[in-house]
């Protein structure tokens, strides 16, 4: 049985093998941090040889960056299509379900990624700075470009992406560290309402 399992691991296609490496890396980086997670241990957890890991990722830093950033990018898949939907919406009834679905998607992704993201942002200072500036910050620019024309005049869509990231992160932190939190759908509803329509009372919106 062990031999058959080893053979199955050996013949994994490259995309599946890469994803297995990332899953192992996320688990160990979240548990042990950047310095504490060893490449040898990540490879062993993924069920591959260390040399095979290096075929996919040239360095530990590259693996760490991919483990942190790729879920953020995946959460934004379809953002150009969603932004087009926002631009085409002619009423709140058309706009609202698009916005709510997007917020729910991003909140769920952030909650899953939060332990690893904490490790990333509070890793070795120089590594954290490079990771943020070279890998994470550009995501806000990309999201801003996607949302251009979908927000009202006077709002910078790139800054809106940055603000939204901060809100998602704060919610994930509260859910991870706080004593209690509302169900995620209710949190998403309130956050979508805030992001789309503001927090001012109805009497001040006219």
C-alpha atoms as a PDB file:
ATOM      1  CA  UNK A   1       0.000   0.000   0.000  1.00  0.00           C
ATOM      2  CA  UNK A   2       2.778   2.435   0.940  1.00  0.00           C
ATOM      3  CA  UNK A   3       4.502   1.733  -2.369  1.00  0.00           C
ATOM      4  CA  UNK A   4       1.337   2.491  -4.330  1.00  0.00           C
ATOM      5  CA  UNK A   5       0.840   5.749  -2.404  1.00  0.00           C
ATOM      6  CA  UNK A   6       4.433   6.770  -3.097  1.00  0.00           C
ATOM      7  CA  UNK A   7       3.987   5.951  -6.768  1.00  0.00           C
ATOM      8  CA  UNK A   8       0.792   8.048  -6.879  1.00  0.00           C
ATOM      9  CA  UNK A   9       2.682  10.963  -5.396  1.00  0.00           C
ATOM     10  CA  UNK A  10       5.505  10.539  -7.879  1.00  0.00           C
ATOM     11  CA  UNK A  11       3.163  10.780 -10.869  1.00  0.00           C
ATOM     12  CA  UNK A  12       1.160  13.798  -9.771  1.00  0.00           C
ATOM     13  CA  UNK A  13       0.855  16.296 -12.571  1.00  0.00           C
ATOM     14  CA  UNK A  14       2.816  19.507 -12.051  1.00  0.00           C
ATOM     15  CA  UNK A  15      -0.176  21.786 -11.213  1.00  0.00           C
ATOM     16  CA  UNK A  16      -1.492  19.321  -8.615  1.00  0.00           C
ATOM     17  CA  UNK A  17       1.991  18.869  -7.177  1.00  0.00           C
ATOM     18  CA  UNK A  18       2.440  22.640  -6.983  1.00  0.00           C
ATOM     19  CA  UNK A  19      -0.875  23.037  -5.153  1.00  0.00           C
ATOM     20  CA  UNK A  20       0.080  20.295  -2.711  1.00  0.00           C
ATOM     21  CA  UNK A  21       3.327  22.150  -1.968  1.00  0.00           C
ATOM     22  CA  UNK A  22       1.420  25.389  -1.366  1.00  0.00           C
ATOM     23  CA  UNK A  23      -1.059  23.680   0.965  1.00  0.00           C
ATOM     24  CA  UNK A  24       1.784  22.234   3.025  1.00  0.00           C
ATOM     25  CA  UNK A  25       3.616  25.553   3.022  1.00  0.00           C
ATOM     26  CA  UNK A  26       0.577  27.509   4.194  1.00  0.00           C
ATOM     27  CA  UNK A  27       0.013  25.112   7.049  1.00  0.00           C
ATOM     28  CA  UNK A  28       3.625  25.153   8.252  1.00  0.00           C
ATOM     29  CA  UNK A  29       4.225  28.870   7.715  1.00  0.00           C
ATOM     30  CA  UNK A  30       1.041  29.627   9.689  1.00  0.00           C
ATOM     31  CA  UNK A  31       2.109  27.288  12.511  1.00  0.00           C
ATOM     32  CA  UNK A  32       5.823  28.087  12.688  1.00  0.00           C
ATOM     33  CA  UNK A  33       6.406  31.358  10.908  1.00  0.00           C
ATOM     34  CA  UNK A  34       8.813  32.050   8.093  1.00  0.00           C
ATOM     35  CA  UNK A  35      11.988  31.263  10.011  1.00  0.00           C
ATOM     36  CA  UNK A  36      10.598  28.199  11.773  1.00  0.00           C
ATOM     37  CA  UNK A  37       9.215  26.404   8.720  1.00  0.00           C
ATOM     38  CA  UNK A  38      11.970  24.436   6.992  1.00  0.00           C
ATOM     39  CA  UNK A  39      11.945  23.624   3.301  1.00  0.00           C
ATOM     40  CA  UNK A  40      12.756  19.995   4.112  1.00  0.00           C
ATOM     41  CA  UNK A  41       9.721  19.766   6.382  1.00  0.00           C
ATOM     42  CA  UNK A  42       7.453  21.426   3.826  1.00  0.00           C
ATOM     43  CA  UNK A  43       8.596  18.965   1.167  1.00  0.00           C
ATOM     44  CA  UNK A  44       8.062  16.019   3.499  1.00  0.00           C
ATOM     45  CA  UNK A  45       4.567  17.254   4.418  1.00  0.00           C
ATOM     46  CA  UNK A  46       3.753  17.630   0.727  1.00  0.00           C
ATOM     47  CA  UNK A  47       4.988  14.088   0.089  1.00  0.00           C
ATOM     48  CA  UNK A  48       7.716  15.082  -2.364  1.00  0.00           C
ATOM     49  CA  UNK A  49      11.490  15.323  -2.474  1.00  0.00           C
ATOM     50  CA  UNK A  50      13.109  18.628  -1.546  1.00  0.00           C
ATOM     51  CA  UNK A  51      14.642  18.888  -5.033  1.00  0.00           C
ATOM     52  CA  UNK A  52      11.155  18.608  -6.545  1.00  0.00           C
ATOM     53  CA  UNK A  53       9.982  21.523  -4.433  1.00  0.00           C
ATOM     54  CA  UNK A  54      12.782  23.639  -5.839  1.00  0.00           C
ATOM     55  CA  UNK A  55      11.617  22.740  -9.347  1.00  0.00           C
ATOM     56  CA  UNK A  56       8.472  24.740  -8.566  1.00  0.00           C
ATOM     57  CA  UNK A  57       9.828  27.453  -6.270  1.00  0.00           C
ATOM     58  CA  UNK A  58      13.444  28.639  -6.544  1.00  0.00           C
ATOM     59  CA  UNK A  59      13.671  29.791  -2.926  1.00  0.00           C
ATOM     60  CA  UNK A  60      11.910  29.727   0.417  1.00  0.00           C
ATOM     61  CA  UNK A  61      11.019  33.390  -0.024  1.00  0.00           C
ATOM     62  CA  UNK A  62       9.406  32.692  -3.409  1.00  0.00           C
ATOM     63  CA  UNK A  63       7.370  29.889  -1.852  1.00  0.00           C
ATOM     64  CA  UNK A  64       6.319  32.110   1.048  1.00  0.00           C
ATOM     65  CA  UNK A  65       5.267  34.890  -1.326  1.00  0.00           C
ATOM     66  CA  UNK A  66       3.225  32.497  -3.455  1.00  0.00           C
ATOM     67  CA  UNK A  67       1.584  30.964  -0.388  1.00  0.00           C
ATOM     68  CA  UNK A  68       0.482  34.386   0.860  1.00  0.00           C
ATOM     69  CA  UNK A  69      -0.311  36.218  -2.362  1.00  0.00           C
ATOM     70  CA  UNK A  70      -2.007  33.613  -4.542  1.00  0.00           C
ATOM     71  CA  UNK A  71      -5.119  33.315  -2.321  1.00  0.00           C
ATOM     72  CA  UNK A  72      -5.498  37.096  -2.489  1.00  0.00           C
ATOM     73  CA  UNK A  73      -5.273  36.985  -6.265  1.00  0.00           C
ATOM     74  CA  UNK A  74      -7.695  34.053  -6.449  1.00  0.00           C
ATOM     75  CA  UNK A  75     -10.209  36.003  -4.371  1.00  0.00           C
ATOM     76  CA  UNK A  76     -10.154  38.695  -7.070  1.00  0.00           C
ATOM     77  CA  UNK A  77     -10.734  36.335  -9.995  1.00  0.00           C
ATOM     78  CA  UNK A  78     -13.539  37.681 -12.115  1.00  0.00           C
ATOM     79  CA  UNK A  79     -13.103  41.216 -10.780  1.00  0.00           C
ATOM     80  CA  UNK A  80     -13.222  42.783 -14.262  1.00  0.00           C
ATOM     81  CA  UNK A  81     -16.500  40.996 -14.978  1.00  0.00           C
ATOM     82  CA  UNK A  82     -17.900  42.063 -11.600  1.00  0.00           C
ATOM     83  CA  UNK A  83     -16.774  45.651 -12.165  1.00  0.00           C
ATOM     84  CA  UNK A  84     -18.542  45.611 -15.550  1.00  0.00           C
ATOM     85  CA  UNK A  85     -21.665  44.456 -13.731  1.00  0.00           C
ATOM     86  CA  UNK A  86     -21.347  47.362 -11.306  1.00  0.00           C
ATOM     87  CA  UNK A  87     -21.055  49.824 -14.199  1.00  0.00           C
ATOM     88  CA  UNK A  88     -24.102  48.361 -15.951  1.00  0.00           C
ATOM     89  CA  UNK A  89     -26.306  48.367 -12.845  1.00  0.00           C
ATOM     90  CA  UNK A  90     -28.969  51.041 -13.116  1.00  0.00           C
ATOM     91  CA  UNK A  91     -30.553  50.618  -9.694  1.00  0.00           C
ATOM     92  CA  UNK A  92     -29.753  49.569  -6.164  1.00  0.00           C
ATOM     93  CA  UNK A  93     -31.688  46.357  -6.758  1.00  0.00           C
ATOM     94  CA  UNK A  94     -29.264  45.429  -9.562  1.00  0.00           C
ATOM     95  CA  UNK A  95     -26.144  46.699  -7.800  1.00  0.00           C
ATOM     96  CA  UNK A  96     -26.697  45.215  -4.342  1.00  0.00           C
ATOM     97  CA  UNK A  97     -26.440  41.442  -5.025  1.00  0.00           C
ATOM     98  CA  UNK A  98     -23.199  41.970  -6.974  1.00  0.00           C
ATOM     99  CA  UNK A  99     -21.648  43.963  -4.145  1.00  0.00           C
ATOM    100  CA  UNK A 100     -22.814  41.571  -1.444  1.00  0.00           C
ATOM    101  CA  UNK A 101     -21.464  38.505  -3.261  1.00  0.00           C
ATOM    102  CA  UNK A 102     -18.104  40.229  -3.709  1.00  0.00           C
ATOM    103  CA  UNK A 103     -17.847  41.168  -0.032  1.00  0.00           C
ATOM    104  CA  UNK A 104     -18.796  37.645   1.064  1.00  0.00           C
ATOM    105  CA  UNK A 105     -16.117  36.191  -1.218  1.00  0.00           C
ATOM    106  CA  UNK A 106     -13.397  38.510   0.054  1.00  0.00           C
ATOM    107  CA  UNK A 107     -14.327  38.089   3.714  1.00  0.00           C
ATOM    108  CA  UNK A 108     -14.218  34.299   3.443  1.00  0.00           C
ATOM    109  CA  UNK A 109     -10.840  34.437   1.688  1.00  0.00           C
ATOM    110  CA  UNK A 110      -9.398  36.834   4.260  1.00  0.00           C
ATOM    111  CA  UNK A 111     -10.639  34.735   7.174  1.00  0.00           C
ATOM    112  CA  UNK A 112      -8.928  31.659   5.726  1.00  0.00           C
ATOM    113  CA  UNK A 113      -5.723  33.552   4.957  1.00  0.00           C
ATOM    114  CA  UNK A 114      -5.523  35.610   8.156  1.00  0.00           C
ATOM    115  CA  UNK A 115      -3.101  33.358  10.132  1.00  0.00           C
ATOM    116  CA  UNK A 116      -0.648  33.261   7.258  1.00  0.00           C
ATOM    117  CA  UNK A 117      -1.035  36.938   6.445  1.00  0.00           C
ATOM    118  CA  UNK A 118      -0.185  37.825  10.040  1.00  0.00           C
ATOM    119  CA  UNK A 119       3.006  35.797   9.683  1.00  0.00           C
ATOM    120  CA  UNK A 120       3.766  37.609   6.437  1.00  0.00           C
ATOM    121  CA  UNK A 121       3.252  41.131   7.727  1.00  0.00           C
ATOM    122  CA  UNK A 122       5.105  40.486  10.966  1.00  0.00           C
ATOM    123  CA  UNK A 123       7.893  38.343   9.574  1.00  0.00           C
ATOM    124  CA  UNK A 124      11.461  39.572   9.320  1.00  0.00           C
ATOM    125  CA  UNK A 125      11.074  43.323   8.678  1.00  0.00           C
ATOM    126  CA  UNK A 126      12.921  43.408   5.354  1.00  0.00           C
ATOM    127  CA  UNK A 127      11.100  40.335   4.061  1.00  0.00           C
ATOM    128  CA  UNK A 128       7.737  41.794   5.118  1.00  0.00           C
ATOM    129  CA  UNK A 129       8.572  45.090   3.401  1.00  0.00           C
ATOM    130  CA  UNK A 130       9.510  43.374   0.127  1.00  0.00           C
ATOM    131  CA  UNK A 131       6.482  41.114   0.253  1.00  0.00           C
ATOM    132  CA  UNK A 132       4.123  44.020   0.817  1.00  0.00           C
ATOM    133  CA  UNK A 133       5.665  46.411  -1.690  1.00  0.00           C
ATOM    134  CA  UNK A 134       6.371  43.909  -4.461  1.00  0.00           C
ATOM    135  CA  UNK A 135       3.513  41.420  -4.101  1.00  0.00           C
ATOM    136  CA  UNK A 136       0.601  42.720  -2.004  1.00  0.00           C
ATOM    137  CA  UNK A 137       0.463  46.469  -2.723  1.00  0.00           C
ATOM    138  CA  UNK A 138       0.290  45.963  -6.518  1.00  0.00           C
ATOM    139  CA  UNK A 139      -2.913  43.968  -6.017  1.00  0.00           C
ATOM    140  CA  UNK A 140      -4.639  47.165  -4.887  1.00  0.00           C
ATOM    141  CA  UNK A 141      -3.519  48.867  -8.099  1.00  0.00           C
ATOM    142  CA  UNK A 142      -4.884  46.027 -10.190  1.00  0.00           C
ATOM    143  CA  UNK A 143      -8.189  46.103  -8.356  1.00  0.00           C
ATOM    144  CA  UNK A 144      -8.313  49.871  -8.751  1.00  0.00           C
ATOM    145  CA  UNK A 145      -7.857  49.555 -12.510  1.00  0.00           C
ATOM    146  CA  UNK A 146     -10.651  46.992 -12.648  1.00  0.00           C
ATOM    147  CA  UNK A 147     -12.983  49.268 -10.688  1.00  0.00           C
ATOM    148  CA  UNK A 148     -12.250  52.413 -12.712  1.00  0.00           C
ATOM    149  CA  UNK A 149     -15.558  53.884 -13.790  1.00  0.00           C
ATOM    150  CA  UNK A 150     -17.505  51.793 -11.295  1.00  0.00           C
ATOM    151  CA  UNK A 151     -17.183  54.219  -8.363  1.00  0.00           C
ATOM    152  CA  UNK A 152     -18.525  57.718  -8.000  1.00  0.00           C
ATOM    153  CA  UNK A 153     -16.530  60.767  -8.957  1.00  0.00           C
ATOM    154  CA  UNK A 154     -14.011  61.887  -6.353  1.00  0.00           C
ATOM    155  CA  UNK A 155     -13.268  58.364  -5.081  1.00  0.00           C
ATOM    156  CA  UNK A 156      -9.897  56.892  -6.043  1.00  0.00           C
ATOM    157  CA  UNK A 157     -10.643  53.208  -6.829  1.00  0.00           C
ATOM    158  CA  UNK A 158      -7.144  52.134  -5.797  1.00  0.00           C
ATOM    159  CA  UNK A 159      -7.564  53.769  -2.402  1.00  0.00           C
ATOM    160  CA  UNK A 160     -10.987  52.147  -2.129  1.00  0.00           C
ATOM    161  CA  UNK A 161      -9.303  48.754  -2.665  1.00  0.00           C
ATOM    162  CA  UNK A 162      -6.811  49.589   0.084  1.00  0.00           C
ATOM    163  CA  UNK A 163      -9.574  50.635   2.492  1.00  0.00           C
ATOM    164  CA  UNK A 164     -11.562  47.483   1.737  1.00  0.00           C
ATOM    165  CA  UNK A 165      -8.523  45.310   2.416  1.00  0.00           C
ATOM    166  CA  UNK A 166      -8.124  46.972   5.795  1.00  0.00           C
ATOM    167  CA  UNK A 167     -11.765  46.347   6.664  1.00  0.00           C
ATOM    168  CA  UNK A 168     -11.592  42.694   5.609  1.00  0.00           C
ATOM    169  CA  UNK A 169      -8.402  42.244   7.615  1.00  0.00           C
ATOM    170  CA  UNK A 170      -9.936  43.848  10.714  1.00  0.00           C
ATOM    171  CA  UNK A 171     -13.008  41.612  10.496  1.00  0.00           C
ATOM    172  CA  UNK A 172     -10.837  38.505  10.105  1.00  0.00           C
ATOM    173  CA  UNK A 173      -8.727  39.577  13.095  1.00  0.00           C
ATOM    174  CA  UNK A 174     -11.810  40.091  15.254  1.00  0.00           C
ATOM    175  CA  UNK A 175     -13.215  36.718  14.253  1.00  0.00           C
ATOM    176  CA  UNK A 176      -9.892  35.029  15.005  1.00  0.00           C
ATOM    177  CA  UNK A 177      -9.084  36.761  18.286  1.00  0.00           C
ATOM    178  CA  UNK A 178     -12.341  38.131  19.652  1.00  0.00           C
ATOM    179  CA  UNK A 179     -14.707  36.391  22.034  1.00  0.00           C
ATOM    180  CA  UNK A 180     -17.722  36.458  19.745  1.00  0.00           C
ATOM    181  CA  UNK A 181     -18.665  37.663  16.281  1.00  0.00           C
ATOM    182  CA  UNK A 182     -21.847  37.835  14.226  1.00  0.00           C
ATOM    183  CA  UNK A 183     -22.338  35.163  11.554  1.00  0.00           C
ATOM    184  CA  UNK A 184     -20.240  35.863   8.480  1.00  0.00           C
ATOM    185  CA  UNK A 185     -23.249  36.533   6.187  1.00  0.00           C
ATOM    186  CA  UNK A 186     -24.508  39.259   8.546  1.00  0.00           C
ATOM    187  CA  UNK A 187     -21.041  40.796   8.771  1.00  0.00           C
ATOM    188  CA  UNK A 188     -20.808  40.739   4.979  1.00  0.00           C
ATOM    189  CA  UNK A 189     -24.206  42.410   4.657  1.00  0.00           C
ATOM    190  CA  UNK A 190     -23.283  45.265   6.982  1.00  0.00           C
ATOM    191  CA  UNK A 191     -19.855  45.721   5.394  1.00  0.00           C
ATOM    192  CA  UNK A 192     -21.332  45.768   1.890  1.00  0.00           C
ATOM    193  CA  UNK A 193     -23.924  48.312   3.015  1.00  0.00           C
ATOM    194  CA  UNK A 194     -21.193  50.486   4.500  1.00  0.00           C
ATOM    195  CA  UNK A 195     -18.887  50.209   1.488  1.00  0.00           C
ATOM    196  CA  UNK A 196     -21.600  50.873  -1.073  1.00  0.00           C
ATOM    197  CA  UNK A 197     -23.871  53.390   0.576  1.00  0.00           C
ATOM    198  CA  UNK A 198     -21.939  54.901   3.493  1.00  0.00           C
ATOM    199  CA  UNK A 199     -22.731  55.085   7.185  1.00  0.00           C
ATOM    200  CA  UNK A 200     -24.612  58.383   7.374  1.00  0.00           C
ATOM    201  CA  UNK A 201     -28.258  58.238   8.536  1.00  0.00           C
ATOM    202  CA  UNK A 202     -30.901  58.204   5.814  1.00  0.00           C
ATOM    203  CA  UNK A 203     -31.789  61.801   6.658  1.00  0.00           C
ATOM    204  CA  UNK A 204     -28.318  62.934   5.534  1.00  0.00           C
ATOM    205  CA  UNK A 205     -28.175  61.010   2.256  1.00  0.00           C
ATOM    206  CA  UNK A 206     -30.532  63.170   0.239  1.00  0.00           C
END
